[in-house]
Amino acid sequence: MRHMLAAVAALLLLACNPIQESHVDANVPAASEFDQYLQRDLKSYFSGANVTVELLRRGPTQSGVAYPKFYAWVRAVAPGAPPVEGAVRLEAVDRQKFIVTHFLSVPEIRANPGQVDTIFPAALCEGIKHRAGVAGA
């Protein structure tokens, strides 16, 4: 419940702050191009692998005038290589691209679950750890 209230409060702050809202508008790709750009940039990050992506939060997270952030769970499969799966943090830039700022694979999350808390919003951390199979998440 506490996490839900924090998320609602963050959305209200974003909705009430025209500077942050304009920064989102200036950087997040149009809805018609969003999925295409996201797939393109994740495929590039994972060296051409086929990528499936599930956003962990519907909209962007905006802090001040930083680039808007998106959080997702990805699975990348390349021929002849084992699948790679984990949590990713991306920035939307100039309505044209996404930049991966952090990727934590399932083995990395299992080895050091605390690093999730330093990269991802608190409201998402428990779910990320659970997806990675961290006990007690």
C-alpha atoms as a PDB file:
ATOM      1  CA  MET A   1       0.000   0.000   0.000  1.00  0.00           C
ATOM      2  CA  ARG A   2       2.839   2.383   0.898  1.00  0.00           C
ATOM      3  CA  HIS A   3       4.424   1.842  -2.534  1.00  0.00           C
ATOM      4  CA  MET A   4       1.112   2.497  -4.259  1.00  0.00           C
ATOM      5  CA  LEU A   5       0.669   5.787  -2.392  1.00  0.00           C
ATOM      6  CA  ALA A   6       4.199   6.838  -3.322  1.00  0.00           C
ATOM      7  CA  ALA A   7       3.511   6.098  -6.987  1.00  0.00           C
ATOM      8  CA  VAL A   8       0.254   8.065  -6.929  1.00  0.00           C
ATOM      9  CA  ALA A   9       2.013  10.992  -5.233  1.00  0.00           C
ATOM     10  CA  ALA A  10       4.768  10.946  -7.876  1.00  0.00           C
ATOM     11  CA  LEU A  11       2.209  10.987 -10.684  1.00  0.00           C
ATOM     12  CA  LEU A  12       0.365  13.889  -9.059  1.00  0.00           C
ATOM     13  CA  LEU A  13       3.596  15.855  -8.762  1.00  0.00           C
ATOM     14  CA  LEU A  14       4.347  15.224 -12.417  1.00  0.00           C
ATOM     15  CA  ALA A  15       0.846  16.244 -13.441  1.00  0.00           C
ATOM     16  CA  CYS A  16       1.130  19.441 -11.386  1.00  0.00           C
ATOM     17  CA  ASN A  17       4.564  20.483 -12.635  1.00  0.00           C
ATOM     18  CA  PRO A  18       4.442  21.982 -16.137  1.00  0.00           C
ATOM     19  CA  ILE A  19       8.259  22.123 -16.416  1.00  0.00           C
ATOM     20  CA  GLN A  20       8.579  18.392 -15.795  1.00  0.00           C
ATOM     21  CA  GLU A  21       5.640  17.686 -18.096  1.00  0.00           C
ATOM     22  CA  SER A  22       7.216  19.717 -20.902  1.00  0.00           C
ATOM     23  CA  HIS A  23      10.486  17.809 -20.415  1.00  0.00           C
ATOM     24  CA  VAL A  24       8.593  14.537 -20.808  1.00  0.00           C
ATOM     25  CA  ASP A  25       6.913  15.854 -23.949  1.00  0.00           C
ATOM     26  CA  ALA A  26      10.259  16.976 -25.377  1.00  0.00           C
ATOM     27  CA  ASN A  27      11.949  13.590 -24.867  1.00  0.00           C
ATOM     28  CA  VAL A  28       9.471  10.695 -24.925  1.00  0.00           C
ATOM     29  CA  PRO A  29       8.789   9.361 -28.442  1.00  0.00           C
ATOM     30  CA  ALA A  30       5.287   9.722 -29.840  1.00  0.00           C
ATOM     31  CA  ALA A  31       2.979   6.824 -28.982  1.00  0.00           C
ATOM     32  CA  SER A  32       3.018   5.723 -32.635  1.00  0.00           C
ATOM     33  CA  GLU A  33       6.834   5.346 -32.534  1.00  0.00           C
ATOM     34  CA  PHE A  34       7.432   4.376 -28.902  1.00  0.00           C
ATOM     35  CA  ASP A  35       7.467   0.569 -29.287  1.00  0.00           C
ATOM     36  CA  GLN A  36       9.465   0.707 -32.526  1.00  0.00           C
ATOM     37  CA  TYR A  37      12.203   2.873 -30.975  1.00  0.00           C
ATOM     38  CA  LEU A  38      12.237   0.846 -27.772  1.00  0.00           C
ATOM     39  CA  GLN A  39      12.683  -2.425 -29.695  1.00  0.00           C
ATOM     40  CA  ARG A  40      15.319  -0.906 -31.985  1.00  0.00           C
ATOM     41  CA  ASP A  41      17.416   0.466 -29.133  1.00  0.00           C
ATOM     42  CA  LEU A  42      17.152  -2.622 -26.942  1.00  0.00           C
ATOM     43  CA  LYS A  43      18.052  -4.832 -29.901  1.00  0.00           C
ATOM     44  CA  SER A  44      21.110  -2.657 -30.468  1.00  0.00           C
ATOM     45  CA  TYR A  45      22.080  -2.783 -26.782  1.00  0.00           C
ATOM     46  CA  PHE A  46      21.802  -6.579 -26.788  1.00  0.00           C
ATOM     47  CA  SER A  47      23.890  -6.889 -29.987  1.00  0.00           C
ATOM     48  CA  GLY A  48      21.100  -7.774 -32.372  1.00  0.00           C
ATOM     49  CA  ALA A  49      19.325 -10.320 -30.178  1.00  0.00           C
ATOM     50  CA  ASN A  50      15.565 -10.747 -30.397  1.00  0.00           C
ATOM     51  CA  VAL A  51      14.196  -8.869 -27.412  1.00  0.00           C
ATOM     52  CA  THR A  52      10.913  -9.178 -25.579  1.00  0.00           C
ATOM     53  CA  VAL A  53      10.159  -6.299 -23.252  1.00  0.00           C
ATOM     54  CA  GLU A  54       7.581  -5.625 -20.566  1.00  0.00           C
ATOM     55  CA  LEU A  55       7.429  -2.140 -19.089  1.00  0.00           C
ATOM     56  CA  LEU A  56       7.331  -2.282 -15.294  1.00  0.00           C
ATOM     57  CA  ARG A  57       5.551   1.066 -15.075  1.00  0.00           C
ATOM     58  CA  ARG A  58       3.193   2.501 -17.678  1.00  0.00           C
ATOM     59  CA  GLY A  59       4.501   6.036 -17.894  1.00  0.00           C
ATOM     60  CA  PRO A  60       7.842   7.759 -17.525  1.00  0.00           C
ATOM     61  CA  THR A  61       9.438   8.667 -14.230  1.00  0.00           C
ATOM     62  CA  GLN A  62      10.507  12.285 -14.249  1.00  0.00           C
ATOM     63  CA  SER A  63      12.821  13.897 -11.699  1.00  0.00           C
ATOM     64  CA  GLY A  64      13.579  17.553 -12.216  1.00  0.00           C
ATOM     65  CA  VAL A  65      14.911  18.172 -15.701  1.00  0.00           C
ATOM     66  CA  ALA A  66      16.700  14.823 -16.141  1.00  0.00           C
ATOM     67  CA  TYR A  67      15.713  12.691 -19.100  1.00  0.00           C
ATOM     68  CA  PRO A  68      12.490  10.753 -18.453  1.00  0.00           C
ATOM     69  CA  LYS A  69      13.178   7.211 -17.224  1.00  0.00           C
ATOM     70  CA  PHE A  70      11.467   3.969 -18.149  1.00  0.00           C
ATOM     71  CA  TYR A  71      11.879   0.626 -16.408  1.00  0.00           C
ATOM     72  CA  ALA A  72      11.366  -2.750 -18.037  1.00  0.00           C
ATOM     73  CA  TRP A  73      11.926  -6.474 -17.733  1.00  0.00           C
ATOM     74  CA  VAL A  74      13.660  -7.819 -20.829  1.00  0.00           C
ATOM     75  CA  ARG A  75      14.588 -11.166 -22.302  1.00  0.00           C
ATOM     76  CA  ALA A  76      17.155 -11.207 -25.107  1.00  0.00           C
ATOM     77  CA  VAL A  77      17.707 -14.296 -27.247  1.00  0.00           C
ATOM     78  CA  ALA A  78      20.511 -14.503 -29.801  1.00  0.00           C
ATOM     79  CA  PRO A  79      21.261 -17.537 -31.987  1.00  0.00           C
ATOM     80  CA  GLY A  80      23.866 -19.793 -30.413  1.00  0.00           C
ATOM     81  CA  ALA A  81      23.874 -17.963 -27.074  1.00  0.00           C
ATOM     82  CA  PRO A  82      21.991 -18.547 -23.842  1.00  0.00           C
ATOM     83  CA  PRO A  83      19.057 -16.182 -23.231  1.00  0.00           C
ATOM     84  CA  VAL A  84      19.735 -13.098 -21.129  1.00  0.00           C
ATOM     85  CA  GLU A  85      16.998 -11.817 -18.843  1.00  0.00           C
ATOM     86  CA  GLY A  86      16.757  -9.004 -16.336  1.00  0.00           C
ATOM     87  CA  ALA A  87      15.732  -5.472 -15.421  1.00  0.00           C
ATOM     88  CA  VAL A  88      16.660  -2.433 -17.459  1.00  0.00           C
ATOM     89  CA  ARG A  89      16.530   1.311 -16.833  1.00  0.00           C
ATOM     90  CA  LEU A  90      16.291   3.533 -19.908  1.00  0.00           C
ATOM     91  CA  GLU A  91      16.237   7.237 -20.642  1.00  0.00           C
ATOM     92  CA  ALA A  92      14.085   8.708 -23.401  1.00  0.00           C
ATOM     93  CA  VAL A  93      16.095  11.278 -25.384  1.00  0.00           C
ATOM     94  CA  ASP A  94      14.872  13.902 -27.871  1.00  0.00           C
ATOM     95  CA  ARG A  95      11.825  11.830 -28.909  1.00  0.00           C
ATOM     96  CA  GLN A  96      14.236   9.785 -31.065  1.00  0.00           C
ATOM     97  CA  LYS A  97      15.869   7.126 -28.921  1.00  0.00           C
ATOM     98  CA  PHE A  98      16.221   5.266 -25.659  1.00  0.00           C
ATOM     99  CA  ILE A  99      19.541   4.936 -23.878  1.00  0.00           C
ATOM    100  CA  VAL A 100      20.102   2.018 -21.517  1.00  0.00           C
ATOM    101  CA  THR A 101      21.605   3.433 -18.335  1.00  0.00           C
ATOM    102  CA  HIS A 102      21.549   0.194 -16.342  1.00  0.00           C
ATOM    103  CA  PHE A 103      20.912  -3.476 -16.984  1.00  0.00           C
ATOM    104  CA  LEU A 104      20.915  -6.056 -14.209  1.00  0.00           C
ATOM    105  CA  SER A 105      20.740  -9.670 -15.334  1.00  0.00           C
ATOM    106  CA  VAL A 106      18.976 -12.313 -13.247  1.00  0.00           C
ATOM    107  CA  PRO A 107      22.324 -13.756 -12.024  1.00  0.00           C
ATOM    108  CA  GLU A 108      23.503 -10.262 -11.024  1.00  0.00           C
ATOM    109  CA  ILE A 109      20.272  -9.591  -9.125  1.00  0.00           C
ATOM    110  CA  ARG A 110      20.488 -12.939  -7.340  1.00  0.00           C
ATOM    111  CA  ALA A 111      24.139 -12.363  -6.407  1.00  0.00           C
ATOM    112  CA  ASN A 112      23.523  -8.865  -5.042  1.00  0.00           C
ATOM    113  CA  PRO A 113      19.815  -8.013  -4.605  1.00  0.00           C
ATOM    114  CA  GLY A 114      20.671  -4.732  -2.852  1.00  0.00           C
ATOM    115  CA  GLN A 115      21.915  -3.172  -6.085  1.00  0.00           C
ATOM    116  CA  VAL A 116      18.327  -3.178  -7.372  1.00  0.00           C
ATOM    117  CA  ASP A 117      17.459  -0.679  -4.624  1.00  0.00           C
ATOM    118  CA  THR A 118      20.164   1.743  -5.796  1.00  0.00           C
ATOM    119  CA  ILE A 119      19.011   1.851  -9.429  1.00  0.00           C
ATOM    120  CA  PHE A 120      15.253   1.351  -9.557  1.00  0.00           C
ATOM    121  CA  PRO A 121      12.366   3.175  -7.836  1.00  0.00           C
ATOM    122  CA  ALA A 122      11.366   1.664  -4.495  1.00  0.00           C
ATOM    123  CA  ALA A 123       7.916   0.801  -5.826  1.00  0.00           C
ATOM    124  CA  LEU A 124       9.477  -1.543  -8.414  1.00  0.00           C
ATOM    125  CA  CYS A 125      12.269  -3.200  -6.423  1.00  0.00           C
ATOM    126  CA  GLU A 126      10.284  -5.983  -4.780  1.00  0.00           C
ATOM    127  CA  GLY A 127       8.766  -7.032  -8.125  1.00  0.00           C
ATOM    128  CA  ILE A 128      12.152  -7.023  -9.873  1.00  0.00           C
ATOM    129  CA  LYS A 129      13.685  -9.190  -7.161  1.00  0.00           C
ATOM    130  CA  HIS A 130      10.707 -11.541  -7.264  1.00  0.00           C
ATOM    131  CA  ARG A 131      11.022 -11.949 -11.058  1.00  0.00           C
ATOM    132  CA  ALA A 132      14.705 -12.793 -10.571  1.00  0.00           C
ATOM    133  CA  GLY A 133      13.782 -15.466  -8.032  1.00  0.00           C
ATOM    134  CA  VAL A 134      15.264 -13.751  -5.014  1.00  0.00           C
ATOM    135  CA  ALA A 135      13.875 -15.407  -1.892  1.00  0.00           C
ATOM    136  CA  GLY A 136      12.009 -13.121   0.463  1.00  0.00           C
ATOM    137  CA  ALA A 137      11.368 -10.491  -2.185  1.00  0.00           C
END
